[in-house]
Structure formats: structure tokens, C-alpha cells
Amino acid sequence: MKSGANHGLEWHALRWARELGCRRYDLWGIPDALGRAAGAADEDERAALESAAQKDPLIGVYRFKKGFGGRIVRYLPAYDLPLIPPLYRLVRHRI
């Protein structure tokens, strides 16, 4: 049974951010092919990227986020900066 708890939690976070004066709220993370498709000038390329995105494990997350409206914005990718490399490797190995 789907309770919709994720929707409720995200909606509460959106309202809380708005009360604090935030004008933007980043849900962060969709299939990269959809981000590239949003900026594609060629229709064939856009269609191919959108089709490829349907096979991405994040497509369900994208559908969830799409329900809140908004727009696709691409940023530079995120990277880790391990300050204690041996500990970082240990943690990454256990994930």
C-alpha cells in the first residue's frame, strides 16, 4: 500500500522553506538524459535522450518530483572531497 508519505514530507519541507522566505527549492537529481534533453536544440536528439531516460533508475524519482511542478535546471556535478582518504574508502566500501 502506498501511503504518500514522501509527498507529505516534501510538501511540508516546501511550505517550511517558503515560510522562511525561500524563493527556490532544489529537489536535486533526475536522470541526466532528461537534463540534457531539456537543453537539446535538435528534436531527434531530444527524443532519443527522453527515451533513454525511461530506462534510468531515477525515472520514478523524476516522476515524483515532476508532481510538484517546477523546471529542470542543470548545475555542475557534485564531487566528494575526502579529507581522510582511508576512512572515506572504508565508508564507500560498506555502502
PDB file of N, CA and C in Angstrom:
ATOM      1  N   MET A   1       0.837  -1.184   0.000  1.00  0.00           N
ATOM      2  CA  MET A   1       0.000   0.000   0.000  1.00  0.00           C
ATOM      3  C   MET A   1       0.881   1.246   0.000  1.00  0.00           C
ATOM      4  N   LYS A   2       0.569   2.181  -0.848  1.00  0.00           N
ATOM      5  CA  LYS A   2       1.337   3.417  -0.919  1.00  0.00           C
ATOM      6  C   LYS A   2       0.641   4.476  -0.064  1.00  0.00           C
ATOM      7  N   SER A   3       1.368   4.996   0.920  1.00  0.00           N
ATOM      8  CA  SER A   3       0.772   5.961   1.842  1.00  0.00           C
ATOM      9  C   SER A   3       0.927   7.402   1.365  1.00  0.00           C
ATOM     10  N   GLY A   4       1.868   7.655   0.462  1.00  0.00           N
ATOM     11  CA  GLY A   4       2.109   9.035   0.025  1.00  0.00           C
ATOM     12  C   GLY A   4       2.924   9.818   1.038  1.00  0.00           C
ATOM     13  N   ALA A   5       3.587   9.128   1.952  1.00  0.00           N
ATOM     14  CA  ALA A   5       4.367   9.813   2.992  1.00  0.00           C
ATOM     15  C   ALA A   5       5.448  10.704   2.392  1.00  0.00           C
ATOM     16  N   ASN A   6       6.084  10.259   1.314  1.00  0.00           N
ATOM     17  CA  ASN A   6       7.129  11.084   0.690  1.00  0.00           C
ATOM     18  C   ASN A   6       6.544  12.394   0.180  1.00  0.00           C
ATOM     19  N   HIS A   7       5.351  12.325  -0.401  1.00  0.00           N
ATOM     20  CA  HIS A   7       4.707  13.545  -0.888  1.00  0.00           C
ATOM     21  C   HIS A   7       4.420  14.499   0.275  1.00  0.00           C
ATOM     22  N   GLY A   8       3.906  13.957   1.352  1.00  0.00           N
ATOM     23  CA  GLY A   8       3.596  14.785   2.513  1.00  0.00           C
ATOM     24  C   GLY A   8       4.831  15.420   3.113  1.00  0.00           C
ATOM     25  N   LEU A   9       5.891  14.643   3.219  1.00  0.00           N
ATOM     26  CA  LEU A   9       7.138  15.158   3.775  1.00  0.00           C
ATOM     27  C   LEU A   9       7.707  16.268   2.895  1.00  0.00           C
ATOM     28  N   GLU A  10       7.737  16.036   1.588  1.00  0.00           N
ATOM     29  CA  GLU A  10       8.284  17.044   0.679  1.00  0.00           C
ATOM     30  C   GLU A  10       7.420  18.299   0.680  1.00  0.00           C
ATOM     31  N   TRP A  11       6.109  18.121   0.713  1.00  0.00           N
ATOM     32  CA  TRP A  11       5.197  19.267   0.737  1.00  0.00           C
ATOM     33  C   TRP A  11       5.419  20.089   2.011  1.00  0.00           C
ATOM     34  N   HIS A  12       5.599  19.418   3.139  1.00  0.00           N
ATOM     35  CA  HIS A  12       5.866  20.123   4.391  1.00  0.00           C
ATOM     36  C   HIS A  12       7.180  20.902   4.291  1.00  0.00           C
ATOM     37  N   ALA A  13       8.207  20.277   3.721  1.00  0.00           N
ATOM     38  CA  ALA A  13       9.501  20.950   3.559  1.00  0.00           C
ATOM     39  C   ALA A  13       9.382  22.169   2.649  1.00  0.00           C
ATOM     40  N   LEU A  14       8.598  22.043   1.577  1.00  0.00           N
ATOM     41  CA  LEU A  14       8.380  23.178   0.677  1.00  0.00           C
ATOM     42  C   LEU A  14       7.702  24.339   1.412  1.00  0.00           C
ATOM     43  N   ARG A  15       6.679  24.022   2.174  1.00  0.00           N
ATOM     44  CA  ARG A  15       5.960  25.069   2.912  1.00  0.00           C
ATOM     45  C   ARG A  15       6.859  25.714   3.962  1.00  0.00           C
ATOM     46  N   TRP A  16       7.650  24.903   4.656  1.00  0.00           N
ATOM     47  CA  TRP A  16       8.556  25.413   5.675  1.00  0.00           C
ATOM     48  C   TRP A  16       9.579  26.356   5.049  1.00  0.00           C
ATOM     49  N   ALA A  17      10.142  25.956   3.906  1.00  0.00           N
ATOM     50  CA  ALA A  17      11.125  26.800   3.221  1.00  0.00           C
ATOM     51  C   ALA A  17      10.478  28.122   2.797  1.00  0.00           C
ATOM     52  N   ARG A  18       9.263  28.040   2.309  1.00  0.00           N
ATOM     53  CA  ARG A  18       8.558  29.262   1.886  1.00  0.00           C
ATOM     54  C   ARG A  18       8.334  30.198   3.078  1.00  0.00           C
ATOM     55  N   GLU A  19       7.948  29.643   4.218  1.00  0.00           N
ATOM     56  CA  GLU A  19       7.750  30.455   5.431  1.00  0.00           C
ATOM     57  C   GLU A  19       9.035  31.154   5.851  1.00  0.00           C
ATOM     58  N   LEU A  20      10.167  30.530   5.567  1.00  0.00           N
ATOM     59  CA  LEU A  20      11.463  31.129   5.900  1.00  0.00           C
ATOM     60  C   LEU A  20      11.930  32.135   4.856  1.00  0.00           C
ATOM     61  N   GLY A  21      11.126  32.325   3.808  1.00  0.00           N
ATOM     62  CA  GLY A  21      11.463  33.309   2.791  1.00  0.00           C
ATOM     63  C   GLY A  21      12.177  32.756   1.567  1.00  0.00           C
ATOM     64  N   CYS A  22      12.330  31.455   1.476  1.00  0.00           N
ATOM     65  CA  CYS A  22      12.990  30.871   0.301  1.00  0.00           C
ATOM     66  C   CYS A  22      12.119  31.046  -0.934  1.00  0.00           C
ATOM     67  N   ARG A  23      12.738  31.383  -2.030  1.00  0.00           N
ATOM     68  CA  ARG A  23      12.010  31.559  -3.277  1.00  0.00           C
ATOM     69  C   ARG A  23      12.267  30.416  -4.254  1.00  0.00           C
ATOM     70  N   ARG A  24      13.283  29.606  -3.955  1.00  0.00           N
ATOM     71  CA  ARG A  24      13.608  28.443  -4.785  1.00  0.00           C
ATOM     72  C   ARG A  24      13.839  27.250  -3.871  1.00  0.00           C
ATOM     73  N   TYR A  25      13.495  26.071  -4.408  1.00  0.00           N
ATOM     74  CA  TYR A  25      13.665  24.832  -3.653  1.00  0.00           C
ATOM     75  C   TYR A  25      14.166  23.787  -4.630  1.00  0.00           C
ATOM     76  N   ASP A  26      15.361  23.278  -4.383  1.00  0.00           N
ATOM     77  CA  ASP A  26      16.001  22.338  -5.301  1.00  0.00           C
ATOM     78  C   ASP A  26      15.743  20.914  -4.837  1.00  0.00           C
ATOM     79  N   LEU A  27      15.001  20.135  -5.629  1.00  0.00           N
ATOM     80  CA  LEU A  27      14.746  18.734  -5.300  1.00  0.00           C
ATOM     81  C   LEU A  27      15.936  17.854  -5.666  1.00  0.00           C
ATOM     82  N   TRP A  28      16.862  18.330  -6.423  1.00  0.00           N
ATOM     83  CA  TRP A  28      18.161  17.748  -6.714  1.00  0.00           C
ATOM     84  C   TRP A  28      18.124  16.317  -7.212  1.00  0.00           C
ATOM     85  N   GLY A  29      18.375  16.158  -8.477  1.00  0.00           N
ATOM     86  CA  GLY A  29      18.607  14.841  -9.025  1.00  0.00           C
ATOM     87  C   GLY A  29      17.490  14.254  -9.860  1.00  0.00           C
ATOM     88  N   ILE A  30      17.733  14.137 -11.146  1.00  0.00           N
ATOM     89  CA  ILE A  30      16.852  13.463 -12.093  1.00  0.00           C
ATOM     90  C   ILE A  30      17.761  12.712 -13.071  1.00  0.00           C
ATOM     91  N   PRO A  31      17.205  11.861 -13.923  1.00  0.00           N
ATOM     92  CA  PRO A  31      18.068  11.210 -14.922  1.00  0.00           C
ATOM     93  C   PRO A  31      18.812  12.254 -15.753  1.00  0.00           C
ATOM     94  N   ASP A  32      20.119  12.084 -15.889  1.00  0.00           N
ATOM     95  CA  ASP A  32      20.929  13.058 -16.627  1.00  0.00           C
ATOM     96  C   ASP A  32      20.442  13.242 -18.058  1.00  0.00           C
ATOM     97  N   ALA A  33      19.940  12.167 -18.665  1.00  0.00           N
ATOM     98  CA  ALA A  33      19.450  12.274 -20.046  1.00  0.00           C
ATOM     99  C   ALA A  33      18.305  13.278 -20.143  1.00  0.00           C
ATOM    100  N   LEU A  34      17.464  13.378 -19.111  1.00  0.00           N
ATOM    101  CA  LEU A  34      16.373  14.357 -19.140  1.00  0.00           C
ATOM    102  C   LEU A  34      16.914  15.779 -19.026  1.00  0.00           C
ATOM    103  N   GLY A  35      17.938  15.951 -18.211  1.00  0.00           N
ATOM    104  CA  GLY A  35      18.562  17.261 -18.111  1.00  0.00           C
ATOM    105  C   GLY A  35      19.179  17.687 -19.427  1.00  0.00           C
ATOM    106  N   ARG A  36      19.834  16.754 -20.099  1.00  0.00           N
ATOM    107  CA  ARG A  36      20.418  17.068 -21.406  1.00  0.00           C
ATOM    108  C   ARG A  36      19.330  17.287 -22.445  1.00  0.00           C
ATOM    109  N   ALA A  37      18.238  16.532 -22.353  1.00  0.00           N
ATOM    110  CA  ALA A  37      17.131  16.685 -23.310  1.00  0.00           C
ATOM    111  C   ALA A  37      16.499  18.065 -23.189  1.00  0.00           C
ATOM    112  N   ALA A  38      16.437  18.595 -21.979  1.00  0.00           N
ATOM    113  CA  ALA A  38      15.833  19.913 -21.770  1.00  0.00           C
ATOM    114  C   ALA A  38      16.592  21.004 -22.522  1.00  0.00           C
ATOM    115  N   GLY A  39      17.890  20.795 -22.720  1.00  0.00           N
ATOM    116  CA  GLY A  39      18.695  21.788 -23.416  1.00  0.00           C
ATOM    117  C   GLY A  39      19.015  21.440 -24.857  1.00  0.00           C
ATOM    118  N   ALA A  40      18.481  20.328 -25.344  1.00  0.00           N
ATOM    119  CA  ALA A  40      18.787  19.892 -26.710  1.00  0.00           C
ATOM    120  C   ALA A  40      18.049  20.743 -27.728  1.00  0.00           C
ATOM    121  N   ALA A  41      18.760  21.180 -28.744  1.00  0.00           N
ATOM    122  CA  ALA A  41      18.161  22.004 -29.795  1.00  0.00           C
ATOM    123  C   ALA A  41      17.494  21.144 -30.872  1.00  0.00           C
ATOM    124  N   ASP A  42      18.033  19.970 -31.087  1.00  0.00           N
ATOM    125  CA  ASP A  42      17.546  19.076 -32.135  1.00  0.00           C
ATOM    126  C   ASP A  42      16.430  18.171 -31.602  1.00  0.00           C
ATOM    127  N   GLU A  43      15.304  18.106 -32.294  1.00  0.00           N
ATOM    128  CA  GLU A  43      14.161  17.289 -31.864  1.00  0.00           C
ATOM    129  C   GLU A  43      14.494  15.802 -31.790  1.00  0.00           C
ATOM    130  N   ASP A  44      15.258  15.298 -32.757  1.00  0.00           N
ATOM    131  CA  ASP A  44      15.628  13.882 -32.754  1.00  0.00           C
ATOM    132  C   ASP A  44      16.509  13.545 -31.554  1.00  0.00           C
ATOM    133  N   GLU A  45      17.456  14.430 -31.257  1.00  0.00           N
ATOM    134  CA  GLU A  45      18.327  14.229 -30.099  1.00  0.00           C
ATOM    135  C   GLU A  45      17.505  14.261 -28.815  1.00  0.00           C
ATOM    136  N   ARG A  46      16.586  15.216 -28.706  1.00  0.00           N
ATOM    137  CA  ARG A  46      15.741  15.329 -27.524  1.00  0.00           C
ATOM    138  C   ARG A  46      14.916  14.048 -27.333  1.00  0.00           C
ATOM    139  N   ALA A  47      14.327  13.552 -28.418  1.00  0.00           N
ATOM    140  CA  ALA A  47      13.515  12.337 -28.339  1.00  0.00           C
ATOM    141  C   ALA A  47      14.353  11.131 -27.917  1.00  0.00           C
ATOM    142  N   ALA A  48      15.567  11.026 -28.453  1.00  0.00           N
ATOM    143  CA  ALA A  48      16.452   9.914 -28.093  1.00  0.00           C
ATOM    144  C   ALA A  48      16.844   9.984 -26.616  1.00  0.00           C
ATOM    145  N   LEU A  49      17.141  11.178 -26.129  1.00  0.00           N
ATOM    146  CA  LEU A  49      17.515  11.344 -24.729  1.00  0.00           C
ATOM    147  C   LEU A  49      16.337  11.041 -23.804  1.00  0.00           C
ATOM    148  N   GLU A  50      15.147  11.493 -24.168  1.00  0.00           N
ATOM    149  CA  GLU A  50      13.961  11.218 -23.355  1.00  0.00           C
ATOM    150  C   GLU A  50      13.659   9.728 -23.316  1.00  0.00           C
ATOM    151  N   SER A  51      13.871   9.050 -24.440  1.00  0.00           N
ATOM    152  CA  SER A  51      13.668   7.606 -24.493  1.00  0.00           C
ATOM    153  C   SER A  51      14.684   6.887 -23.614  1.00  0.00           C
ATOM    154  N   ALA A  52      15.936   7.310 -23.678  1.00  0.00           N
ATOM    155  CA  ALA A  52      16.987   6.710 -22.853  1.00  0.00           C
ATOM    156  C   ALA A  52      16.698   6.917 -21.365  1.00  0.00           C
ATOM    157  N   ALA A  53      16.133   8.060 -21.015  1.00  0.00           N
ATOM    158  CA  ALA A  53      15.842   8.370 -19.613  1.00  0.00           C
ATOM    159  C   ALA A  53      14.809   7.416 -19.026  1.00  0.00           C
ATOM    160  N   GLN A  54      13.941   6.868 -19.852  1.00  0.00           N
ATOM    161  CA  GLN A  54      12.905   5.962 -19.362  1.00  0.00           C
ATOM    162  C   GLN A  54      13.495   4.679 -18.773  1.00  0.00           C
ATOM    163  N   LYS A  55      14.747   4.368 -19.132  1.00  0.00           N
ATOM    164  CA  LYS A  55      15.413   3.169 -18.622  1.00  0.00           C
ATOM    165  C   LYS A  55      16.277   3.466 -17.390  1.00  0.00           C
ATOM    166  N   ASP A  56      16.388   4.729 -17.022  1.00  0.00           N
ATOM    167  CA  ASP A  56      17.223   5.145 -15.893  1.00  0.00           C
ATOM    168  C   ASP A  56      16.528   4.816 -14.568  1.00  0.00           C
ATOM    169  N   PRO A  57      17.278   4.319 -13.590  1.00  0.00           N
ATOM    170  CA  PRO A  57      16.670   4.008 -12.286  1.00  0.00           C
ATOM    171  C   PRO A  57      16.039   5.224 -11.597  1.00  0.00           C
ATOM    172  N   LEU A  58      16.460   6.428 -11.967  1.00  0.00           N
ATOM    173  CA  LEU A  58      15.907   7.638 -11.338  1.00  0.00           C
ATOM    174  C   LEU A  58      14.602   8.120 -11.973  1.00  0.00           C
ATOM    175  N   ILE A  59      14.074   7.408 -12.955  1.00  0.00           N
ATOM    176  CA  ILE A  59      12.875   7.902 -13.641  1.00  0.00           C
ATOM    177  C   ILE A  59      11.690   7.997 -12.681  1.00  0.00           C
ATOM    178  N   GLY A  60      11.567   7.062 -11.753  1.00  0.00           N
ATOM    179  CA  GLY A  60      10.484   7.129 -10.770  1.00  0.00           C
ATOM    180  C   GLY A  60      10.631   8.333  -9.859  1.00  0.00           C
ATOM    181  N   VAL A  61      11.861   8.633  -9.481  1.00  0.00           N
ATOM    182  CA  VAL A  61      12.134   9.817  -8.660  1.00  0.00           C
ATOM    183  C   VAL A  61      11.760  11.075  -9.435  1.00  0.00           C
ATOM    184  N   TYR A  62      12.092  11.086 -10.729  1.00  0.00           N
ATOM    185  CA  TYR A  62      11.735  12.231 -11.562  1.00  0.00           C
ATOM    186  C   TYR A  62      10.218  12.424 -11.607  1.00  0.00           C
ATOM    187  N   ARG A  63       9.486  11.333 -11.780  1.00  0.00           N
ATOM    188  CA  ARG A  63       8.018  11.439 -11.837  1.00  0.00           C
ATOM    189  C   ARG A  63       7.471  11.991 -10.524  1.00  0.00           C
ATOM    190  N   PHE A  64       8.034  11.545  -9.411  1.00  0.00           N
ATOM    191  CA  PHE A  64       7.629  12.062  -8.101  1.00  0.00           C
ATOM    192  C   PHE A  64       7.866  13.571  -8.023  1.00  0.00           C
ATOM    193  N   LYS A  65       9.054  13.994  -8.426  1.00  0.00           N
ATOM    194  CA  LYS A  65       9.413  15.405  -8.341  1.00  0.00           C
ATOM    195  C   LYS A  65       8.599  16.245  -9.312  1.00  0.00           C
ATOM    196  N   LYS A  66       8.321  15.679 -10.484  1.00  0.00           N
ATOM    197  CA  LYS A  66       7.554  16.401 -11.501  1.00  0.00           C
ATOM    198  C   LYS A  66       6.175  16.776 -10.972  1.00  0.00           C
ATOM    199  N   GLY A  67       5.648  15.970 -10.065  1.00  0.00           N
ATOM    200  CA  GLY A  67       4.342  16.251  -9.477  1.00  0.00           C
ATOM    201  C   GLY A  67       4.291  17.550  -8.703  1.00  0.00           C
ATOM    202  N   PHE A  68       5.434  18.083  -8.320  1.00  0.00           N
ATOM    203  CA  PHE A  68       5.481  19.344  -7.594  1.00  0.00           C
ATOM    204  C   PHE A  68       5.622  20.546  -8.528  1.00  0.00           C
ATOM    205  N   GLY A  69       5.700  20.300  -9.830  1.00  0.00           N
ATOM    206  CA  GLY A  69       5.869  21.404 -10.782  1.00  0.00           C
ATOM    207  C   GLY A  69       7.341  21.763 -10.911  1.00  0.00           C
ATOM    208  N   GLY A  70       7.601  22.982 -11.218  1.00  0.00           N
ATOM    209  CA  GLY A  70       8.974  23.452 -11.330  1.00  0.00           C
ATOM    210  C   GLY A  70       9.539  23.273 -12.722  1.00  0.00           C
ATOM    211  N   ARG A  71      10.849  23.373 -12.796  1.00  0.00           N
ATOM    212  CA  ARG A  71      11.530  23.277 -14.082  1.00  0.00           C
ATOM    213  C   ARG A  71      12.857  22.568 -13.896  1.00  0.00           C
ATOM    214  N   ILE A  72      13.389  22.072 -15.007  1.00  0.00           N
ATOM    215  CA  ILE A  72      14.681  21.389 -14.979  1.00  0.00           C
ATOM    216  C   ILE A  72      15.786  22.424 -15.092  1.00  0.00           C
ATOM    217  N   VAL A  73      16.723  22.364 -14.163  1.00  0.00           N
ATOM    218  CA  VAL A  73      17.891  23.244 -14.170  1.00  0.00           C
ATOM    219  C   VAL A  73      19.118  22.357 -14.009  1.00  0.00           C
ATOM    220  N   ARG A  74      20.093  22.528 -14.875  1.00  0.00           N
ATOM    221  CA  ARG A  74      21.325  21.731 -14.778  1.00  0.00           C
ATOM    222  C   ARG A  74      22.419  22.553 -14.117  1.00  0.00           C
ATOM    223  N   TYR A  75      23.098  21.926 -13.160  1.00  0.00           N
ATOM    224  CA  TYR A  75      24.227  22.532 -12.466  1.00  0.00           C
ATOM    225  C   TYR A  75      25.467  21.683 -12.726  1.00  0.00           C
ATOM    226  N   LEU A  76      26.598  22.166 -12.284  1.00  0.00           N
ATOM    227  CA  LEU A  76      27.814  21.366 -12.337  1.00  0.00           C
ATOM    228  C   LEU A  76      27.619  20.140 -11.464  1.00  0.00           C
ATOM    229  N   PRO A  77      28.260  19.031 -11.784  1.00  0.00           N
ATOM    230  CA  PRO A  77      28.087  17.821 -10.969  1.00  0.00           C
ATOM    231  C   PRO A  77      28.695  17.977  -9.578  1.00  0.00           C
ATOM    232  N   ALA A  78      28.202  17.170  -8.651  1.00  0.00           N
ATOM    233  CA  ALA A  78      28.722  17.160  -7.288  1.00  0.00           C
ATOM    234  C   ALA A  78      29.874  16.155  -7.196  1.00  0.00           C
ATOM    235  N   TYR A  79      30.859  16.488  -6.411  1.00  0.00           N
ATOM    236  CA  TYR A  79      32.004  15.605  -6.201  1.00  0.00           C
ATOM    237  C   TYR A  79      32.285  15.505  -4.713  1.00  0.00           C
ATOM    238  N   ASP A  80      32.858  14.390  -4.304  1.00  0.00           N
ATOM    239  CA  ASP A  80      33.291  14.220  -2.924  1.00  0.00           C
ATOM    240  C   ASP A  80      34.729  14.708  -2.790  1.00  0.00           C
ATOM    241  N   LEU A  81      35.038  15.299  -1.646  1.00  0.00           N
ATOM    242  CA  LEU A  81      36.408  15.684  -1.316  1.00  0.00           C
ATOM    243  C   LEU A  81      36.770  14.970  -0.017  1.00  0.00           C
ATOM    244  N   PRO A  82      37.361  13.776  -0.130  1.00  0.00           N
ATOM    245  CA  PRO A  82      37.677  13.015   1.081  1.00  0.00           C
ATOM    246  C   PRO A  82      38.808  13.680   1.868  1.00  0.00           C
ATOM    247  N   LEU A  83      38.498  14.053   3.097  1.00  0.00           N
ATOM    248  CA  LEU A  83      39.508  14.687   3.947  1.00  0.00           C
ATOM    249  C   LEU A  83      40.347  13.654   4.678  1.00  0.00           C
ATOM    250  N   ILE A  84      39.781  12.458   4.866  1.00  0.00           N
ATOM    251  CA  ILE A  84      40.512  11.347   5.469  1.00  0.00           C
ATOM    252  C   ILE A  84      40.353  10.163   4.510  1.00  0.00           C
ATOM    253  N   PRO A  85      41.215  10.072   3.492  1.00  0.00           N
ATOM    254  CA  PRO A  85      41.043   9.060   2.445  1.00  0.00           C
ATOM    255  C   PRO A  85      40.850   7.623   2.923  1.00  0.00           C
ATOM    256  N   PRO A  86      41.610   7.119   3.910  1.00  0.00           N
ATOM    257  CA  PRO A  86      41.372   5.726   4.334  1.00  0.00           C
ATOM    258  C   PRO A  86      39.961   5.526   4.919  1.00  0.00           C
ATOM    259  N   LEU A  87      39.507   6.475   5.699  1.00  0.00           N
ATOM    260  CA  LEU A  87      38.160   6.393   6.267  1.00  0.00           C
ATOM    261  C   LEU A  87      37.114   6.501   5.163  1.00  0.00           C
ATOM    262  N   TYR A  88      37.341   7.360   4.207  1.00  0.00           N
ATOM    263  CA  TYR A  88      36.422   7.523   3.069  1.00  0.00           C
ATOM    264  C   TYR A  88      36.290   6.209   2.295  1.00  0.00           C
ATOM    265  N   ARG A  89      37.422   5.562   2.018  1.00  0.00           N
ATOM    266  CA  ARG A  89      37.385   4.286   1.297  1.00  0.00           C
ATOM    267  C   ARG A  89      36.619   3.231   2.094  1.00  0.00           C
ATOM    268  N   LEU A  90      36.820   3.209   3.391  1.00  0.00           N
ATOM    269  CA  LEU A  90      36.108   2.255   4.246  1.00  0.00           C
ATOM    270  C   LEU A  90      34.595   2.488   4.196  1.00  0.00           C
ATOM    271  N   VAL A  91      34.197   3.711   4.309  1.00  0.00           N
ATOM    272  CA  VAL A  91      32.773   4.047   4.289  1.00  0.00           C
ATOM    273  C   VAL A  91      32.188   3.727   2.913  1.00  0.00           C
ATOM    274  N   ARG A  92      32.871   4.091   1.863  1.00  0.00           N
ATOM    275  CA  ARG A  92      32.370   3.818   0.498  1.00  0.00           C
ATOM    276  C   ARG A  92      32.276   2.321   0.236  1.00  0.00           C
ATOM    277  N   HIS A  93      33.210   1.558   0.793  1.00  0.00           N
ATOM    278  CA  HIS A  93      33.197   0.106   0.613  1.00  0.00           C
ATOM    279  C   HIS A  93      31.978  -0.515   1.302  1.00  0.00           C
ATOM    280  N   ARG A  94      31.560   0.035   2.399  1.00  0.00           N
ATOM    281  CA  ARG A  94      30.438  -0.512   3.176  1.00  0.00           C
ATOM    282  C   ARG A  94      29.087  -0.100   2.622  1.00  0.00           C
ATOM    283  N   ILE A  95      29.034   0.897   1.765  1.00  0.00           N
ATOM    284  CA  ILE A  95      27.753   1.374   1.214  1.00  0.00           C
ATOM    285  C   ILE A  95      27.252   0.475   0.133  1.00  0.00           C
TER     286      ILE A  95
END
